[in-house]
Amino acid sequence: MIILSPDELAREFDSSMTRAGLTVPPGRRATVLASYADFRAQIDLLHGRQDHTGEPAHIFALPPRGDA
């Protein structure tokens, strides 16, 4: 997991928006930047090593025939 400082995150965000050709209105930048930080945290979580205890399988059992 790479932890970026707020300044590094803002620079990465600005760079990503420039590469994508997107312009974020100044009045919305803080909100979009906060969303980007959350997005980055989710990416780090998904790419982290997970074992089987992190999300147990959904298990169900059918009753034997005749039992209601």
PDB file of N, CA and C in Angstrom:
ATOM      1  N   MET A   1       0.838  -1.165   0.000  1.00  0.00           N
ATOM      2  CA  MET A   1       0.000   0.000   0.000  1.00  0.00           C
ATOM      3  C   MET A   1       0.893   1.242   0.000  1.00  0.00           C
ATOM      4  N   ILE A   2       0.612   2.139  -0.894  1.00  0.00           N
ATOM      5  CA  ILE A   2       1.372   3.382  -0.986  1.00  0.00           C
ATOM      6  C   ILE A   2       0.565   4.478  -0.315  1.00  0.00           C
ATOM      7  N   ILE A   3       1.152   5.106   0.693  1.00  0.00           N
ATOM      8  CA  ILE A   3       0.468   6.191   1.389  1.00  0.00           C
ATOM      9  C   ILE A   3       1.044   7.502   0.883  1.00  0.00           C
ATOM     10  N   LEU A   4       0.172   8.314   0.316  1.00  0.00           N
ATOM     11  CA  LEU A   4       0.588   9.605  -0.215  1.00  0.00           C
ATOM     12  C   LEU A   4       0.210  10.714   0.755  1.00  0.00           C
ATOM     13  N   SER A   5       1.061  11.734   0.817  1.00  0.00           N
ATOM     14  CA  SER A   5       0.706  12.911   1.602  1.00  0.00           C
ATOM     15  C   SER A   5      -0.410  13.645   0.869  1.00  0.00           C
ATOM     16  N   PRO A   6      -1.119  14.530   1.546  1.00  0.00           N
ATOM     17  CA  PRO A   6      -2.177  15.285   0.856  1.00  0.00           C
ATOM     18  C   PRO A   6      -1.669  16.054  -0.367  1.00  0.00           C
ATOM     19  N   ASP A   7      -0.457  16.607  -0.278  1.00  0.00           N
ATOM     20  CA  ASP A   7       0.112  17.331  -1.430  1.00  0.00           C
ATOM     21  C   ASP A   7       0.433  16.382  -2.584  1.00  0.00           C
ATOM     22  N   GLU A   8       0.992  15.216  -2.258  1.00  0.00           N
ATOM     23  CA  GLU A   8       1.300  14.235  -3.298  1.00  0.00           C
ATOM     24  C   GLU A   8       0.020  13.725  -3.962  1.00  0.00           C
ATOM     25  N   LEU A   9      -1.002  13.496  -3.154  1.00  0.00           N
ATOM     26  CA  LEU A   9      -2.277  13.037  -3.682  1.00  0.00           C
ATOM     27  C   LEU A   9      -2.870  14.092  -4.624  1.00  0.00           C
ATOM     28  N   ALA A  10      -2.812  15.350  -4.225  1.00  0.00           N
ATOM     29  CA  ALA A  10      -3.334  16.431  -5.068  1.00  0.00           C
ATOM     30  C   ALA A  10      -2.559  16.526  -6.377  1.00  0.00           C
ATOM     31  N   ARG A  11      -1.233  16.370  -6.317  1.00  0.00           N
ATOM     32  CA  ARG A  11      -0.434  16.408  -7.554  1.00  0.00           C
ATOM     33  C   ARG A  11      -0.770  15.235  -8.458  1.00  0.00           C
ATOM     34  N   GLU A  12      -0.929  14.043  -7.875  1.00  0.00           N
ATOM     35  CA  GLU A  12      -1.298  12.874  -8.664  1.00  0.00           C
ATOM     36  C   GLU A  12      -2.675  13.066  -9.294  1.00  0.00           C
ATOM     37  N   PHE A  13      -3.622  13.595  -8.530  1.00  0.00           N
ATOM     38  CA  PHE A  13      -4.968  13.868  -9.027  1.00  0.00           C
ATOM     39  C   PHE A  13      -4.909  14.851 -10.199  1.00  0.00           C
ATOM     40  N   ASP A  14      -4.197  15.951 -10.012  1.00  0.00           N
ATOM     41  CA  ASP A  14      -4.091  16.951 -11.085  1.00  0.00           C
ATOM     42  C   ASP A  14      -3.466  16.354 -12.335  1.00  0.00           C
ATOM     43  N   SER A  15      -2.437  15.558 -12.148  1.00  0.00           N
ATOM     44  CA  SER A  15      -1.769  14.913 -13.279  1.00  0.00           C
ATOM     45  C   SER A  15      -2.711  13.959 -14.006  1.00  0.00           C
ATOM     46  N   SER A  16      -3.464  13.188 -13.231  1.00  0.00           N
ATOM     47  CA  SER A  16      -4.421  12.240 -13.834  1.00  0.00           C
ATOM     48  C   SER A  16      -5.499  12.970 -14.619  1.00  0.00           C
ATOM     49  N   MET A  17      -5.999  14.057 -14.074  1.00  0.00           N
ATOM     50  CA  MET A  17      -7.035  14.821 -14.764  1.00  0.00           C
ATOM     51  C   MET A  17      -6.492  15.445 -16.047  1.00  0.00           C
ATOM     52  N   THR A  18      -5.255  15.937 -15.999  1.00  0.00           N
ATOM     53  CA  THR A  18      -4.631  16.527 -17.189  1.00  0.00           C
ATOM     54  C   THR A  18      -4.442  15.473 -18.266  1.00  0.00           C
ATOM     55  N   ARG A  19      -3.922  14.298 -17.885  1.00  0.00           N
ATOM     56  CA  ARG A  19      -3.720  13.224 -18.862  1.00  0.00           C
ATOM     57  C   ARG A  19      -5.029  12.785 -19.488  1.00  0.00           C
ATOM     58  N   ALA A  20      -6.109  12.796 -18.699  1.00  0.00           N
ATOM     59  CA  ALA A  20      -7.416  12.377 -19.205  1.00  0.00           C
ATOM     60  C   ALA A  20      -8.113  13.492 -19.980  1.00  0.00           C
ATOM     61  N   GLY A  21      -7.550  14.689 -19.937  1.00  0.00           N
ATOM     62  CA  GLY A  21      -8.156  15.813 -20.642  1.00  0.00           C
ATOM     63  C   GLY A  21      -9.394  16.352 -19.939  1.00  0.00           C
ATOM     64  N   LEU A  22      -9.463  16.166 -18.631  1.00  0.00           N
ATOM     65  CA  LEU A  22     -10.618  16.613 -17.864  1.00  0.00           C
ATOM     66  C   LEU A  22     -10.300  17.886 -17.100  1.00  0.00           C
ATOM     67  N   THR A  23     -11.301  18.736 -16.969  1.00  0.00           N
ATOM     68  CA  THR A  23     -11.160  19.954 -16.182  1.00  0.00           C
ATOM     69  C   THR A  23     -12.193  19.908 -15.068  1.00  0.00           C
ATOM     70  N   VAL A  24     -11.730  19.971 -13.832  1.00  0.00           N
ATOM     71  CA  VAL A  24     -12.620  19.970 -12.672  1.00  0.00           C
ATOM     72  C   VAL A  24     -12.858  21.427 -12.293  1.00  0.00           C
ATOM     73  N   PRO A  25     -14.117  21.850 -12.229  1.00  0.00           N
ATOM     74  CA  PRO A  25     -14.408  23.226 -11.836  1.00  0.00           C
ATOM     75  C   PRO A  25     -13.816  23.536 -10.454  1.00  0.00           C
ATOM     76  N   PRO A  26     -13.236  24.712 -10.275  1.00  0.00           N
ATOM     77  CA  PRO A  26     -12.600  25.052  -8.990  1.00  0.00           C
ATOM     78  C   PRO A  26     -13.524  24.868  -7.783  1.00  0.00           C
ATOM     79  N   GLY A  27     -14.805  25.144  -7.942  1.00  0.00           N
ATOM     80  CA  GLY A  27     -15.733  25.006  -6.827  1.00  0.00           C
ATOM     81  C   GLY A  27     -16.003  23.561  -6.431  1.00  0.00           C
ATOM     82  N   ARG A  28     -15.638  22.632  -7.288  1.00  0.00           N
ATOM     83  CA  ARG A  28     -15.884  21.208  -6.998  1.00  0.00           C
ATOM     84  C   ARG A  28     -14.595  20.434  -6.728  1.00  0.00           C
ATOM     85  N   ARG A  29     -13.467  21.090  -6.863  1.00  0.00           N
ATOM     86  CA  ARG A  29     -12.183  20.395  -6.749  1.00  0.00           C
ATOM     87  C   ARG A  29     -12.007  19.688  -5.403  1.00  0.00           C
ATOM     88  N   ALA A  30     -12.338  20.355  -4.312  1.00  0.00           N
ATOM     89  CA  ALA A  30     -12.134  19.754  -2.985  1.00  0.00           C
ATOM     90  C   ALA A  30     -12.960  18.477  -2.824  1.00  0.00           C
ATOM     91  N   THR A  31     -14.196  18.504  -3.293  1.00  0.00           N
ATOM     92  CA  THR A  31     -15.057  17.327  -3.182  1.00  0.00           C
ATOM     93  C   THR A  31     -14.569  16.197  -4.067  1.00  0.00           C
ATOM     94  N   VAL A  32     -14.184  16.530  -5.294  1.00  0.00           N
ATOM     95  CA  VAL A  32     -13.697  15.500  -6.219  1.00  0.00           C
ATOM     96  C   VAL A  32     -12.367  14.934  -5.732  1.00  0.00           C
ATOM     97  N   LEU A  33     -11.523  15.785  -5.184  1.00  0.00           N
ATOM     98  CA  LEU A  33     -10.239  15.317  -4.645  1.00  0.00           C
ATOM     99  C   LEU A  33     -10.462  14.374  -3.464  1.00  0.00           C
ATOM    100  N   ALA A  34     -11.427  14.669  -2.602  1.00  0.00           N
ATOM    101  CA  ALA A  34     -11.745  13.770  -1.476  1.00  0.00           C
ATOM    102  C   ALA A  34     -12.259  12.429  -2.006  1.00  0.00           C
ATOM    103  N   SER A  35     -13.069  12.479  -3.056  1.00  0.00           N
ATOM    104  CA  SER A  35     -13.567  11.231  -3.661  1.00  0.00           C
ATOM    105  C   SER A  35     -12.418  10.437  -4.267  1.00  0.00           C
ATOM    106  N   TYR A  36     -11.479  11.137  -4.875  1.00  0.00           N
ATOM    107  CA  TYR A  36     -10.303  10.483  -5.457  1.00  0.00           C
ATOM    108  C   TYR A  36      -9.485   9.797  -4.362  1.00  0.00           C
ATOM    109  N   ALA A  37      -9.351  10.443  -3.214  1.00  0.00           N
ATOM    110  CA  ALA A  37      -8.614   9.838  -2.096  1.00  0.00           C
ATOM    111  C   ALA A  37      -9.311   8.552  -1.637  1.00  0.00           C
ATOM    112  N   ASP A  38     -10.642   8.580  -1.552  1.00  0.00           N
ATOM    113  CA  ASP A  38     -11.393   7.372  -1.191  1.00  0.00           C
ATOM    114  C   ASP A  38     -11.210   6.281  -2.240  1.00  0.00           C
ATOM    115  N   PHE A  39     -11.244   6.679  -3.504  1.00  0.00           N
ATOM    116  CA  PHE A  39     -11.047   5.742  -4.611  1.00  0.00           C
ATOM    117  C   PHE A  39      -9.680   5.067  -4.508  1.00  0.00           C
ATOM    118  N   ARG A  40      -8.644   5.860  -4.234  1.00  0.00           N
ATOM    119  CA  ARG A  40      -7.296   5.304  -4.082  1.00  0.00           C
ATOM    120  C   ARG A  40      -7.236   4.316  -2.922  1.00  0.00           C
ATOM    121  N   ALA A  41      -7.916   4.636  -1.818  1.00  0.00           N
ATOM    122  CA  ALA A  41      -7.923   3.737  -0.662  1.00  0.00           C
ATOM    123  C   ALA A  41      -8.593   2.410  -1.020  1.00  0.00           C
ATOM    124  N   GLN A  42      -9.661   2.457  -1.802  1.00  0.00           N
ATOM    125  CA  GLN A  42     -10.342   1.229  -2.224  1.00  0.00           C
ATOM    126  C   GLN A  42      -9.447   0.398  -3.139  1.00  0.00           C
ATOM    127  N   ILE A  43      -8.737   1.057  -4.033  1.00  0.00           N
ATOM    128  CA  ILE A  43      -7.811   0.340  -4.918  1.00  0.00           C
ATOM    129  C   ILE A  43      -6.747  -0.371  -4.088  1.00  0.00           C
ATOM    130  N   ASP A  44      -6.174   0.340  -3.112  1.00  0.00           N
ATOM    131  CA  ASP A  44      -5.153  -0.271  -2.256  1.00  0.00           C
ATOM    132  C   ASP A  44      -5.729  -1.466  -1.497  1.00  0.00           C
ATOM    133  N   LEU A  45      -6.962  -1.342  -1.030  1.00  0.00           N
ATOM    134  CA  LEU A  45      -7.605  -2.438  -0.312  1.00  0.00           C
ATOM    135  C   LEU A  45      -7.825  -3.640  -1.224  1.00  0.00           C
ATOM    136  N   LEU A  46      -8.309  -3.405  -2.421  1.00  0.00           N
ATOM    137  CA  LEU A  46      -8.580  -4.499  -3.350  1.00  0.00           C
ATOM    138  C   LEU A  46      -7.314  -5.195  -3.830  1.00  0.00           C
ATOM    139  N   HIS A  47      -6.223  -4.452  -3.946  1.00  0.00           N
ATOM    140  CA  HIS A  47      -4.984  -5.046  -4.431  1.00  0.00           C
ATOM    141  C   HIS A  47      -4.126  -5.631  -3.312  1.00  0.00           C
ATOM    142  N   GLY A  48      -4.598  -5.488  -2.079  1.00  0.00           N
ATOM    143  CA  GLY A  48      -3.866  -6.056  -0.951  1.00  0.00           C
ATOM    144  C   GLY A  48      -4.049  -7.564  -0.899  1.00  0.00           C
ATOM    145  N   ARG A  49      -3.213  -8.219  -0.143  1.00  0.00           N
ATOM    146  CA  ARG A  49      -3.312  -9.670   0.006  1.00  0.00           C
ATOM    147  C   ARG A  49      -4.491  -9.984   0.905  1.00  0.00           C
ATOM    148  N   GLN A  50      -5.374 -10.811   0.443  1.00  0.00           N
ATOM    149  CA  GLN A  50      -6.548 -11.205   1.204  1.00  0.00           C
ATOM    150  C   GLN A  50      -6.521 -12.722   1.382  1.00  0.00           C
ATOM    151  N   ASP A  51      -6.946 -13.168   2.542  1.00  0.00           N
ATOM    152  CA  ASP A  51      -7.067 -14.607   2.728  1.00  0.00           C
ATOM    153  C   ASP A  51      -8.552 -14.982   2.812  1.00  0.00           C
ATOM    154  N   HIS A  52      -8.819 -16.251   2.982  1.00  0.00           N
ATOM    155  CA  HIS A  52     -10.193 -16.732   2.964  1.00  0.00           C
ATOM    156  C   HIS A  52     -11.031 -16.205   4.132  1.00  0.00           C
ATOM    157  N   THR A  53     -10.404 -15.725   5.201  1.00  0.00           N
ATOM    158  CA  THR A  53     -11.179 -15.232   6.339  1.00  0.00           C
ATOM    159  C   THR A  53     -11.686 -13.814   6.120  1.00  0.00           C
ATOM    160  N   GLY A  54     -11.172 -13.132   5.104  1.00  0.00           N
ATOM    161  CA  GLY A  54     -11.588 -11.766   4.835  1.00  0.00           C
ATOM    162  C   GLY A  54     -13.016 -11.657   4.357  1.00  0.00           C
ATOM    163  N   GLU A  55     -13.496 -12.659   3.673  1.00  0.00           N
ATOM    164  CA  GLU A  55     -14.866 -12.659   3.185  1.00  0.00           C
ATOM    165  C   GLU A  55     -15.353 -14.098   3.134  1.00  0.00           C
ATOM    166  N   PRO A  56     -15.986 -14.554   4.206  1.00  0.00           N
ATOM    167  CA  PRO A  56     -16.436 -15.938   4.234  1.00  0.00           C
ATOM    168  C   PRO A  56     -17.468 -16.212   3.134  1.00  0.00           C
ATOM    169  N   ALA A  57     -17.449 -17.408   2.644  1.00  0.00           N
ATOM    170  CA  ALA A  57     -18.381 -17.791   1.583  1.00  0.00           C
ATOM    171  C   ALA A  57     -19.812 -17.783   2.108  1.00  0.00           C
ATOM    172  N   HIS A  58     -20.723 -17.515   1.218  1.00  0.00           N
ATOM    173  CA  HIS A  58     -22.150 -17.584   1.567  1.00  0.00           C
ATOM    174  C   HIS A  58     -22.544 -19.059   1.527  1.00  0.00           C
ATOM    175  N   ILE A  59     -22.961 -19.572   2.648  1.00  0.00           N
ATOM    176  CA  ILE A  59     -23.294 -20.987   2.747  1.00  0.00           C
ATOM    177  C   ILE A  59     -24.762 -21.117   3.145  1.00  0.00           C
ATOM    178  N   PHE A  60     -25.461 -21.977   2.459  1.00  0.00           N
ATOM    179  CA  PHE A  60     -26.827 -22.285   2.842  1.00  0.00           C
ATOM    180  C   PHE A  60     -27.027 -23.781   2.724  1.00  0.00           C
ATOM    181  N   ALA A  61     -28.005 -24.273   3.444  1.00  0.00           N
ATOM    182  CA  ALA A  61     -28.307 -25.704   3.414  1.00  0.00           C
ATOM    183  C   ALA A  61     -29.795 -25.885   3.216  1.00  0.00           C
ATOM    184  N   LEU A  62     -30.145 -26.821   2.391  1.00  0.00           N
ATOM    185  CA  LEU A  62     -31.544 -27.157   2.170  1.00  0.00           C
ATOM    186  C   LEU A  62     -31.949 -28.232   3.173  1.00  0.00           C
ATOM    187  N   PRO A  63     -33.155 -28.131   3.721  1.00  0.00           N
ATOM    188  CA  PRO A  63     -33.598 -29.189   4.637  1.00  0.00           C
ATOM    189  C   PRO A  63     -33.807 -30.481   3.873  1.00  0.00           C
ATOM    190  N   PRO A  64     -33.642 -31.613   4.537  1.00  0.00           N
ATOM    191  CA  PRO A  64     -33.893 -32.895   3.874  1.00  0.00           C
ATOM    192  C   PRO A  64     -35.352 -32.959   3.401  1.00  0.00           C
ATOM    193  N   ARG A  65     -35.608 -33.743   2.374  1.00  0.00           N
ATOM    194  CA  ARG A  65     -36.975 -33.906   1.874  1.00  0.00           C
ATOM    195  C   ARG A  65     -37.895 -34.378   2.990  1.00  0.00           C
ATOM    196  N   GLY A  66     -39.085 -33.835   3.016  1.00  0.00           N
ATOM    197  CA  GLY A  66     -40.054 -34.213   4.027  1.00  0.00           C
ATOM    198  C   GLY A  66     -40.063 -33.278   5.214  1.00  0.00           C
ATOM    199  N   ASP A  67     -38.948 -32.589   5.460  1.00  0.00           N
ATOM    200  CA  ASP A  67     -38.904 -31.611   6.546  1.00  0.00           C
ATOM    201  C   ASP A  67     -39.312 -30.258   5.977  1.00  0.00           C
ATOM    202  N   ALA A  68     -40.182 -29.586   6.671  1.00  0.00           N
ATOM    203  CA  ALA A  68     -40.603 -28.293   6.174  1.00  0.00           C
ATOM    204  C   ALA A  68     -40.156 -27.197   7.051  1.00  0.00           C
TER     205      ALA A  68
END
